Amino acid sequence: MVMYAIGIAQYILRYLIKIWFPLPHEEFTDLCAISNISVLMFDNEFKGYYIHGRSPYGQSEVSSSDLIKSLEYEMTGQAQTRGLTMEDPNLQTFEIFMPKDMLGMYKDLY
């Protein structure tokens, strides 16, 4: 029972800290979404990460007042979702594993 209480307390504390002090990678993901930029980066030869930076507002080059209105629409749930899949519409970051043949084609192109 004590272990469950400690686990629940840690979960609640982590959630409250995350509200006031967001993690840097979460802020970067939000920046990519607002600026409508997707990022593909590798930390290993065959493994990497993909940030789906799709703006739910349709465009990213708008005035500050239009951006504030768009963010308010998103807060109220009136805007489209940022995610890539319908199963989890808020999921924007993905871990990817590139096959050797596909990696060769990728290196040839870039």
C-alpha atoms as a PDB file:
ATOM      1  CA  MET A   1       0.000   0.000   0.000  1.00  0.00           C
ATOM      2  CA  VAL A   2       2.875   2.336   0.811  1.00  0.00           C
ATOM      3  CA  MET A   3       4.443   1.694  -2.623  1.00  0.00           C
ATOM      4  CA  TYR A   4       1.172   2.596  -4.363  1.00  0.00           C
ATOM      5  CA  ALA A   5       0.895   5.801  -2.326  1.00  0.00           C
ATOM      6  CA  ILE A   6       4.489   6.768  -3.200  1.00  0.00           C
ATOM      7  CA  GLY A   7       3.866   6.000  -6.895  1.00  0.00           C
ATOM      8  CA  ILE A   8       0.694   8.091  -6.988  1.00  0.00           C
ATOM      9  CA  ALA A   9       2.421  10.964  -5.165  1.00  0.00           C
ATOM     10  CA  GLN A  10       5.321  10.882  -7.653  1.00  0.00           C
ATOM     11  CA  TYR A  11       2.915  10.842 -10.601  1.00  0.00           C
ATOM     12  CA  ILE A  12       0.982  13.853  -9.270  1.00  0.00           C
ATOM     13  CA  LEU A  13       4.176  15.744  -8.404  1.00  0.00           C
ATOM     14  CA  ARG A  14       5.651  15.066 -11.866  1.00  0.00           C
ATOM     15  CA  TYR A  15       2.426  16.306 -13.500  1.00  0.00           C
ATOM     16  CA  LEU A  16       2.390  19.520 -11.445  1.00  0.00           C
ATOM     17  CA  ILE A  17       6.067  20.249 -12.142  1.00  0.00           C
ATOM     18  CA  LYS A  18       5.501  19.611 -15.859  1.00  0.00           C
ATOM     19  CA  ILE A  19       2.779  22.289 -15.931  1.00  0.00           C
ATOM     20  CA  TRP A  20       5.084  25.011 -14.574  1.00  0.00           C
ATOM     21  CA  PHE A  21       8.376  23.812 -16.074  1.00  0.00           C
ATOM     22  CA  PRO A  22       7.804  22.118 -19.457  1.00  0.00           C
ATOM     23  CA  LEU A  23      10.564  19.910 -20.788  1.00  0.00           C
ATOM     24  CA  PRO A  24      12.799  21.458 -23.490  1.00  0.00           C
ATOM     25  CA  HIS A  25      11.906  18.798 -26.076  1.00  0.00           C
ATOM     26  CA  GLU A  26       8.199  19.491 -25.553  1.00  0.00           C
ATOM     27  CA  GLU A  27       8.789  23.196 -26.156  1.00  0.00           C
ATOM     28  CA  PHE A  28      10.778  22.371 -29.311  1.00  0.00           C
ATOM     29  CA  THR A  29       7.947  20.131 -30.544  1.00  0.00           C
ATOM     30  CA  ASP A  30       5.450  22.963 -29.996  1.00  0.00           C
ATOM     31  CA  LEU A  31       7.752  25.380 -31.819  1.00  0.00           C
ATOM     32  CA  CYS A  32       7.956  22.980 -34.789  1.00  0.00           C
ATOM     33  CA  ALA A  33       4.161  22.677 -34.867  1.00  0.00           C
ATOM     34  CA  ILE A  34       3.545  26.414 -34.708  1.00  0.00           C
ATOM     35  CA  SER A  35       6.151  27.123 -37.403  1.00  0.00           C
ATOM     36  CA  ASN A  36       4.863  24.235 -39.581  1.00  0.00           C
ATOM     37  CA  ILE A  37       8.241  22.446 -39.800  1.00  0.00           C
ATOM     38  CA  SER A  38       8.808  18.685 -39.600  1.00  0.00           C
ATOM     39  CA  VAL A  39      12.179  17.411 -38.370  1.00  0.00           C
ATOM     40  CA  LEU A  40      13.943  14.094 -39.053  1.00  0.00           C
ATOM     41  CA  MET A  41      17.094  13.500 -36.984  1.00  0.00           C
ATOM     42  CA  PHE A  42      19.298  10.476 -36.387  1.00  0.00           C
ATOM     43  CA  ASP A  43      21.191   9.668 -33.202  1.00  0.00           C
ATOM     44  CA  ASN A  44      22.480   6.369 -34.611  1.00  0.00           C
ATOM     45  CA  GLU A  45      23.103   5.073 -38.118  1.00  0.00           C
ATOM     46  CA  PHE A  46      19.760   3.251 -38.294  1.00  0.00           C
ATOM     47  CA  LYS A  47      17.745   4.858 -35.470  1.00  0.00           C
ATOM     48  CA  GLY A  48      16.341   8.340 -35.207  1.00  0.00           C
ATOM     49  CA  TYR A  49      13.390  10.546 -34.365  1.00  0.00           C
ATOM     50  CA  TYR A  50      10.708  12.279 -36.385  1.00  0.00           C
ATOM     51  CA  ILE A  51       8.850  15.374 -35.164  1.00  0.00           C
ATOM     52  CA  HIS A  52       5.648  15.916 -37.095  1.00  0.00           C
ATOM     53  CA  GLY A  53       5.451  19.706 -37.102  1.00  0.00           C
ATOM     54  CA  ARG A  54       2.099  20.171 -38.785  1.00  0.00           C
ATOM     55  CA  SER A  55       0.401  23.423 -37.930  1.00  0.00           C
ATOM     56  CA  PRO A  56      -3.291  22.900 -37.109  1.00  0.00           C
ATOM     57  CA  TYR A  57      -4.012  26.410 -38.373  1.00  0.00           C
ATOM     58  CA  GLY A  58      -3.075  25.647 -41.969  1.00  0.00           C
ATOM     59  CA  GLN A  59      -0.374  28.294 -42.229  1.00  0.00           C
ATOM     60  CA  SER A  60       2.434  29.632 -40.107  1.00  0.00           C
ATOM     61  CA  GLU A  61       3.237  33.029 -41.587  1.00  0.00           C
ATOM     62  CA  VAL A  62       0.553  35.108 -39.882  1.00  0.00           C
ATOM     63  CA  SER A  63       0.459  38.187 -37.704  1.00  0.00           C
ATOM     64  CA  SER A  64       0.733  37.964 -33.937  1.00  0.00           C
ATOM     65  CA  SER A  65      -2.962  38.677 -33.451  1.00  0.00           C
ATOM     66  CA  ASP A  66      -3.923  35.891 -35.890  1.00  0.00           C
ATOM     67  CA  LEU A  67      -1.517  33.505 -34.114  1.00  0.00           C
ATOM     68  CA  ILE A  68      -3.091  34.343 -30.744  1.00  0.00           C
ATOM     69  CA  LYS A  69      -6.571  33.700 -32.172  1.00  0.00           C
ATOM     70  CA  SER A  70      -5.409  30.392 -33.640  1.00  0.00           C
ATOM     71  CA  LEU A  71      -3.902  29.302 -30.319  1.00  0.00           C
ATOM     72  CA  GLU A  72      -7.159  30.216 -28.558  1.00  0.00           C
ATOM     73  CA  TYR A  73      -9.105  28.112 -31.088  1.00  0.00           C
ATOM     74  CA  GLU A  74      -6.780  25.211 -30.361  1.00  0.00           C
ATOM     75  CA  MET A  75      -7.227  25.615 -26.582  1.00  0.00           C
ATOM     76  CA  THR A  76     -11.004  25.435 -26.956  1.00  0.00           C
ATOM     77  CA  GLY A  77     -10.759  22.389 -29.244  1.00  0.00           C
ATOM     78  CA  GLN A  78     -12.056  24.091 -32.383  1.00  0.00           C
ATOM     79  CA  ALA A  79      -8.836  23.681 -34.413  1.00  0.00           C
ATOM     80  CA  GLN A  80      -7.591  20.528 -36.130  1.00  0.00           C
ATOM     81  CA  THR A  81      -5.325  18.211 -34.181  1.00  0.00           C
ATOM     82  CA  ARG A  82      -1.547  18.399 -34.465  1.00  0.00           C
ATOM     83  CA  GLY A  83      -0.906  14.659 -34.538  1.00  0.00           C
ATOM     84  CA  LEU A  84      -0.256  12.302 -37.409  1.00  0.00           C
ATOM     85  CA  THR A  85      -2.552   9.388 -36.532  1.00  0.00           C
ATOM     86  CA  MET A  86      -6.235   9.276 -35.640  1.00  0.00           C
ATOM     87  CA  GLU A  87      -5.598   6.805 -32.763  1.00  0.00           C
ATOM     88  CA  ASP A  88      -3.612   9.394 -30.796  1.00  0.00           C
ATOM     89  CA  PRO A  89      -4.246  12.867 -32.271  1.00  0.00           C
ATOM     90  CA  ASN A  90      -1.814  14.620 -29.896  1.00  0.00           C
ATOM     91  CA  LEU A  91       1.173  12.379 -30.668  1.00  0.00           C
ATOM     92  CA  GLN A  92       3.728  14.380 -32.647  1.00  0.00           C
ATOM     93  CA  THR A  93       7.053  12.651 -31.931  1.00  0.00           C
ATOM     94  CA  PHE A  94       8.010   9.240 -33.270  1.00  0.00           C
ATOM     95  CA  GLU A  95      10.999   6.946 -32.901  1.00  0.00           C
ATOM     96  CA  ILE A  96      12.003   5.514 -36.275  1.00  0.00           C
ATOM     97  CA  PHE A  97      14.220   2.676 -37.409  1.00  0.00           C
ATOM     98  CA  MET A  98      15.530   2.986 -40.960  1.00  0.00           C
ATOM     99  CA  PRO A  99      16.218  -0.208 -42.967  1.00  0.00           C
ATOM    100  CA  LYS A 100      19.695  -0.432 -44.506  1.00  0.00           C
ATOM    101  CA  ASP A 101      18.420  -0.184 -48.110  1.00  0.00           C
ATOM    102  CA  MET A 102      16.257   2.833 -47.358  1.00  0.00           C
ATOM    103  CA  LEU A 103      19.132   4.506 -45.503  1.00  0.00           C
ATOM    104  CA  GLY A 104      21.323   4.042 -48.591  1.00  0.00           C
ATOM    105  CA  MET A 105      18.690   5.721 -50.775  1.00  0.00           C
ATOM    106  CA  TYR A 106      18.341   8.526 -48.210  1.00  0.00           C
ATOM    107  CA  LYS A 107      22.098   9.153 -48.206  1.00  0.00           C
ATOM    108  CA  ASP A 108      22.188   9.141 -52.017  1.00  0.00           C
ATOM    109  CA  LEU A 109      19.482  11.806 -52.151  1.00  0.00           C
ATOM    110  CA  TYR A 110      20.956  14.043 -49.461  1.00  0.00           C
END
